[in-house]
C-alpha atoms as a PDB file:
ATOM      1  CA  UNK A   1      49.532  23.365  -7.612  1.00  0.00           C
ATOM      2  CA  UNK A   2      47.875  25.541  -4.937  1.00  0.00           C
ATOM      3  CA  UNK A   3      49.998  24.107  -1.781  1.00  0.00           C
ATOM      4  CA  UNK A   4      53.345  24.988  -1.408  1.00  0.00           C
ATOM      5  CA  UNK A   5      54.329  21.748  -0.372  1.00  0.00           C
ATOM      6  CA  UNK A   6      53.366  20.557  -3.734  1.00  0.00           C
ATOM      7  CA  UNK A   7      55.670  23.157  -5.422  1.00  0.00           C
ATOM      8  CA  UNK A   8      58.245  21.422  -7.740  1.00  0.00           C
ATOM      9  CA  UNK A   9      61.757  22.398  -6.393  1.00  0.00           C
ATOM     10  CA  UNK A  10      62.969  23.673  -9.656  1.00  0.00           C
ATOM     11  CA  UNK A  11      62.733  26.734 -11.719  1.00  0.00           C
ATOM     12  CA  UNK A  12      62.364  26.625 -15.455  1.00  0.00           C
ATOM     13  CA  UNK A  13      64.625  28.780 -17.494  1.00  0.00           C
ATOM     14  CA  UNK A  14      64.235  30.812 -20.750  1.00  0.00           C
ATOM     15  CA  UNK A  15      61.674  28.871 -23.166  1.00  0.00           C
ATOM     16  CA  UNK A  16      61.601  25.742 -21.622  1.00  0.00           C
ATOM     17  CA  UNK A  17      58.314  24.046 -20.666  1.00  0.00           C
ATOM     18  CA  UNK A  18      57.743  21.237 -18.101  1.00  0.00           C
ATOM     19  CA  UNK A  19      54.878  19.031 -18.810  1.00  0.00           C
ATOM     20  CA  UNK A  20      53.470  15.522 -17.043  1.00  0.00           C
ATOM     21  CA  UNK A  21      52.150  13.145 -19.625  1.00  0.00           C
ATOM     22  CA  UNK A  22      48.395  12.699 -19.411  1.00  0.00           C
ATOM     23  CA  UNK A  23      48.795   8.633 -20.156  1.00  0.00           C
ATOM     24  CA  UNK A  24      51.313   6.353 -19.521  1.00  0.00           C
ATOM     25  CA  UNK A  25      53.346   4.678 -22.461  1.00  0.00           C
ATOM     26  CA  UNK A  26      52.307   1.054 -22.870  1.00  0.00           C
ATOM     27  CA  UNK A  27      49.081  -0.758 -23.923  1.00  0.00           C
ATOM     28  CA  UNK A  28      46.082   1.396 -24.592  1.00  0.00           C
ATOM     29  CA  UNK A  29      42.458   0.979 -25.785  1.00  0.00           C
ATOM     30  CA  UNK A  30      40.848   2.050 -28.815  1.00  0.00           C
ATOM     31  CA  UNK A  31      37.574   3.950 -28.576  1.00  0.00           C
ATOM     32  CA  UNK A  32      35.764   0.703 -29.237  1.00  0.00           C
ATOM     33  CA  UNK A  33      37.419  -0.983 -26.183  1.00  0.00           C
ATOM     34  CA  UNK A  34      40.170  -2.905 -28.162  1.00  0.00           C
ATOM     35  CA  UNK A  35      43.400  -3.394 -26.308  1.00  0.00           C
ATOM     36  CA  UNK A  36      46.390  -2.293 -28.340  1.00  0.00           C
ATOM     37  CA  UNK A  37      49.643  -3.694 -27.324  1.00  0.00           C
ATOM     38  CA  UNK A  38      52.864  -1.181 -26.727  1.00  0.00           C
ATOM     39  CA  UNK A  39      54.528  -3.173 -29.318  1.00  0.00           C
ATOM     40  CA  UNK A  40      52.028  -2.563 -32.186  1.00  0.00           C
ATOM     41  CA  UNK A  41      53.343  -0.371 -35.054  1.00  0.00           C
ATOM     42  CA  UNK A  42      51.469   2.799 -35.356  1.00  0.00           C
ATOM     43  CA  UNK A  43      52.307   5.904 -37.203  1.00  0.00           C
ATOM     44  CA  UNK A  44      53.703   9.151 -35.777  1.00  0.00           C
ATOM     45  CA  UNK A  45      51.331   9.992 -32.926  1.00  0.00           C
ATOM     46  CA  UNK A  46      51.253  13.168 -30.854  1.00  0.00           C
ATOM     47  CA  UNK A  47      50.348  12.983 -27.001  1.00  0.00           C
ATOM     48  CA  UNK A  48      48.559  15.331 -24.722  1.00  0.00           C
ATOM     49  CA  UNK A  49      50.500  16.575 -21.665  1.00  0.00           C
ATOM     50  CA  UNK A  50      49.447  19.050 -18.618  1.00  0.00           C
ATOM     51  CA  UNK A  51      51.941  22.037 -18.331  1.00  0.00           C
ATOM     52  CA  UNK A  52      53.569  22.035 -15.108  1.00  0.00           C
ATOM     53  CA  UNK A  53      56.121  24.932 -14.944  1.00  0.00           C
ATOM     54  CA  UNK A  54      57.058  27.590 -17.938  1.00  0.00           C
ATOM     55  CA  UNK A  55      60.485  29.709 -18.165  1.00  0.00           C
ATOM     56  CA  UNK A  56      60.290  33.176 -17.949  1.00  0.00           C
ATOM     57  CA  UNK A  57      60.488  33.645 -21.813  1.00  0.00           C
ATOM     58  CA  UNK A  58      57.460  31.401 -22.721  1.00  0.00           C
ATOM     59  CA  UNK A  59      54.480  33.330 -23.916  1.00  0.00           C
ATOM     60  CA  UNK A  60      51.816  31.153 -24.931  1.00  0.00           C
ATOM     61  CA  UNK A  61      51.213  28.360 -22.319  1.00  0.00           C
ATOM     62  CA  UNK A  62      50.481  28.640 -18.837  1.00  0.00           C
ATOM     63  CA  UNK A  63      50.833  26.112 -15.770  1.00  0.00           C
ATOM     64  CA  UNK A  64      47.697  24.052 -15.962  1.00  0.00           C
ATOM     65  CA  UNK A  65      47.183  24.090 -19.760  1.00  0.00           C
ATOM     66  CA  UNK A  66      46.947  20.740 -21.793  1.00  0.00           C
ATOM     67  CA  UNK A  67      49.365  20.732 -24.716  1.00  0.00           C
ATOM     68  CA  UNK A  68      49.918  18.333 -27.739  1.00  0.00           C
ATOM     69  CA  UNK A  69      53.434  17.406 -28.382  1.00  0.00           C
ATOM     70  CA  UNK A  70      55.651  14.793 -30.303  1.00  0.00           C
ATOM     71  CA  UNK A  71      56.699  12.149 -27.469  1.00  0.00           C
ATOM     72  CA  UNK A  72      59.615  11.254 -29.867  1.00  0.00           C
ATOM     73  CA  UNK A  73      61.218  14.341 -29.370  1.00  0.00           C
ATOM     74  CA  UNK A  74      61.551  14.668 -25.651  1.00  0.00           C
ATOM     75  CA  UNK A  75      63.949  14.730 -22.443  1.00  0.00           C
ATOM     76  CA  UNK A  76      62.824  12.905 -19.784  1.00  0.00           C
ATOM     77  CA  UNK A  77      63.491  13.996 -15.990  1.00  0.00           C
ATOM     78  CA  UNK A  78      62.343  12.400 -12.710  1.00  0.00           C
ATOM     79  CA  UNK A  79      61.575  15.136 -10.000  1.00  0.00           C
ATOM     80  CA  UNK A  80      60.149  13.452  -6.493  1.00  0.00           C
ATOM     81  CA  UNK A  81      59.674  10.023  -8.039  1.00  0.00           C
ATOM     82  CA  UNK A  82      57.312  11.478 -10.898  1.00  0.00           C
ATOM     83  CA  UNK A  83      58.391  11.465 -14.303  1.00  0.00           C
ATOM     84  CA  UNK A  84      57.939  14.882 -16.577  1.00  0.00           C
ATOM     85  CA  UNK A  85      59.126  15.856 -20.098  1.00  0.00           C
ATOM     86  CA  UNK A  86      61.330  18.639 -20.662  1.00  0.00           C
ATOM     87  CA  UNK A  87      60.999  20.787 -23.968  1.00  0.00           C
ATOM     88  CA  UNK A  88      60.935  24.085 -25.817  1.00  0.00           C
ATOM     89  CA  UNK A  89      58.013  26.350 -25.999  1.00  0.00           C
ATOM     90  CA  UNK A  90      58.304  25.999 -29.992  1.00  0.00           C
ATOM     91  CA  UNK A  91      58.398  22.135 -29.745  1.00  0.00           C
ATOM     92  CA  UNK A  92      54.539  22.136 -28.828  1.00  0.00           C
ATOM     93  CA  UNK A  93      52.168  21.708 -31.505  1.00  0.00           C
ATOM     94  CA  UNK A  94      48.706  23.093 -29.693  1.00  0.00           C
ATOM     95  CA  UNK A  95      47.097  24.451 -26.579  1.00  0.00           C
ATOM     96  CA  UNK A  96      43.804  23.419 -25.243  1.00  0.00           C
ATOM     97  CA  UNK A  97      43.114  25.664 -22.298  1.00  0.00           C
ATOM     98  CA  UNK A  98      40.076  26.701 -20.348  1.00  0.00           C
ATOM     99  CA  UNK A  99      40.862  30.488 -20.780  1.00  0.00           C
ATOM    100  CA  UNK A 100      40.299  30.255 -24.538  1.00  0.00           C
ATOM    101  CA  UNK A 101      36.668  29.043 -24.115  1.00  0.00           C
ATOM    102  CA  UNK A 102      35.139  32.257 -23.342  1.00  0.00           C
ATOM    103  CA  UNK A 103      36.642  33.970 -26.404  1.00  0.00           C
ATOM    104  CA  UNK A 104      34.651  34.889 -29.421  1.00  0.00           C
ATOM    105  CA  UNK A 105      34.960  32.731 -32.125  1.00  0.00           C
ATOM    106  CA  UNK A 106      37.064  30.358 -30.270  1.00  0.00           C
ATOM    107  CA  UNK A 107      37.364  26.570 -30.596  1.00  0.00           C
ATOM    108  CA  UNK A 108      39.222  25.985 -27.331  1.00  0.00           C
ATOM    109  CA  UNK A 109      42.229  24.902 -29.327  1.00  0.00           C
ATOM    110  CA  UNK A 110      45.170  27.107 -30.118  1.00  0.00           C
ATOM    111  CA  UNK A 111      47.262  26.111 -32.995  1.00  0.00           C
END
């Protein structure tokens, strides 16, 4: 968010992380192109999201990182008509960030 007009009008506290989900809930497509309806029963499925804002005590993620989280354990909030998910840093399962790609012996995924 490089533009000051794009900046969210909130400040995160403590170990809170605000993320924007990569994909909307509902129907999705499999790798083979098969349409999977939103009502299909699937096991516990984690979701990817982009970090939008972090609190001052967050140590492992930065805005712009992609994180893996459990969509069942979430608190949703709407800011300026956009839905976000609010969670604690400890509720994140993994981080995939560009800044890890240049590291020696790095997979680009921090677990």
